[in-house]
Each structure stands twice: as C-alpha cells, then as structure tokens.
Amino acid sequence: MGDWRRYYEAAGDDPRETLLVALDRFDAEEPRERFGVDLGCGTGRDTVELLRRGWRVLAIDGQSEAIERLLGRRDLPTRERLQTQVSRFEDADWPEADLVNSSFALPFCPPQAFGEVWQRIESGLRPGGRFSGQLFGVRDGWSGERDLTFHTRVEVEALLERFAIERLDEVEEDGTTAVGGAKHWHLFHVVARKPGAQRGGGRHRSTDRPSGFA
C-alpha cells in the first residue's frame, strides 16, 4: 500500500457498513450532540457521513494528501464541526469520544505500537461509546508485511473482552484491492460498545445486515 495516491483516486465515496451499523445504534438512543474520531480517515468517505448526521468530527490520517482531499470534497457538509490532524496512529492524539471509527485503517498500525493505540481507543471512549472498523486476520494476503498488524479470532475476541460486541463478522475470501489487484482477504468487521449507562430510551431499530461488507 505504498502508492496512496492511486488508492485515493480509486477509493469510493460511500460510507463503510460498519460505520452505518454503529450510527444506527446511536440514532436509536437519546438525541444529543456527539463527537467522533475517524482514525485513518483517508479521503473522508466516513467523515462526510458523520458530519451529515450532525456529529462533530476529528479526522486523522498519516498522509497530508488524504486530509487535503477530504477538505476539498464537494460533498463536505460543513467545516464548522470538523477538525483534522495529520498524524501516524502511534502519534495521534484525540480527546474523549463517543465513537472511534477506523475503516480498513487500523491494521496499518505497526505491530509494536498496536497495543498502546488500542488501549488509547478503549480508554478514550466514553461510557456507551463505540468502536467501529476492521482488523486483518492472520491469513490475509498481506500477512507477510511487517509494518501491518494481523490477528487471530481468539486475539480479536480478547481485544473486545471489555466491550459489548454488536457486530463481529469474520470474512475470508479471494477478491481485489481498491486499485484492482488480486488479493486474499481475511477480515474482521467490528462494531463494539463500551459498557456504560444507556443514554435515553426508545425502541432499538434492527441493524441486522448482510455479512458481506463493501
């Protein structure tokens, strides 16, 4: 994944399914202003959706070009509720949040830094807050890359042991990358809630969706 420009050109605009599942859960709770961190935001497909739904957002990416492309999007709803930060995972800093979203990004955190970053995600979520995103499995086609982090199912479940798991789908299949290259995918799609008092009532809408994520 060294050629980020090619990836940015090929990246889609639709928000990721895991983010939508998490947002549907929040929408079923008491309405209020919420704050989310889009960690590894890329060109902003998820950031735009968060802003569209009224969230305040801190969008973080290690590539300055990603942030530039995000800020230049014609469909960006507003800049008033958006902050940006150019930073690697291990150096990123963010305040307490209702959501940390990391769509197809967190596995690019180096293995030696992953534990600390994950601890920061967990401790930085407010009670009732959520994590949404993807982790790479050990049989993924990129598993030989030393700078990427991969997990077994048991390791993923251990990471989430202090969360209420709302979605955990393991997918293994042959497919292609965003730029069209052949790749064997081994992924975990995650939506998990940090324990805490439920804010507000109301009936909970169903978020059951197909396990095949875009």
Foldseek 3Di string as FASTA:
>chain_A
DVPLVLLLVLDDQADWLQLVLQVLQVVQADDDEFEEEAAQQFLNSPVQVCVVVRYQYEYEHQDVVRVVNNVPDPSRPDCPSYHYYHDALQPDDDAQGQEYEYAVHLQLAAPVRNVVSLVCRQVSYDAFGKYWYKAFACPWQCNVDRNGDHDHPVVVCVSCVQWAWPAWDWDWDWDADSSGHTITGTMITTMTTHHDDGHHHGDRDDSDDDSDID
